[in-house]
Amino acid sequence: MLNVTIYSKKDCHLCDIAKETLLKIQQELPFSLNEIDIEKDKAAFEKYKYLIPVIEIDGEKVFNYRVNEYEMKNILRLKSQPR
């Protein structure tokens, strides 16, 4: 199963929208979702403070600011195919 991580913080409108999109996609395409609050993780804060929300799949950054639902589904499908 693919691991999707969203780097976000509270009171972030774009983060809320991105999380809603990911939860919607998760209903169709299974993946584990991990949320990291950058305000509680100093390294993540330094790395992503001006880019949130940041979405990673298995450690690879695929989106920041906004999540395109269509593109995210395609990426998940491609990454979940056997190699």
Foldseek 3Di string as FASTA:
>chain_A
DKEKEWEEAPPDPLQVQQVVLVVVVCVVPPYHYHYHHCVVPVVCCVVDVPFPGWMDIPRHTDDTSHDDSVVVNVVSVVVPDDD
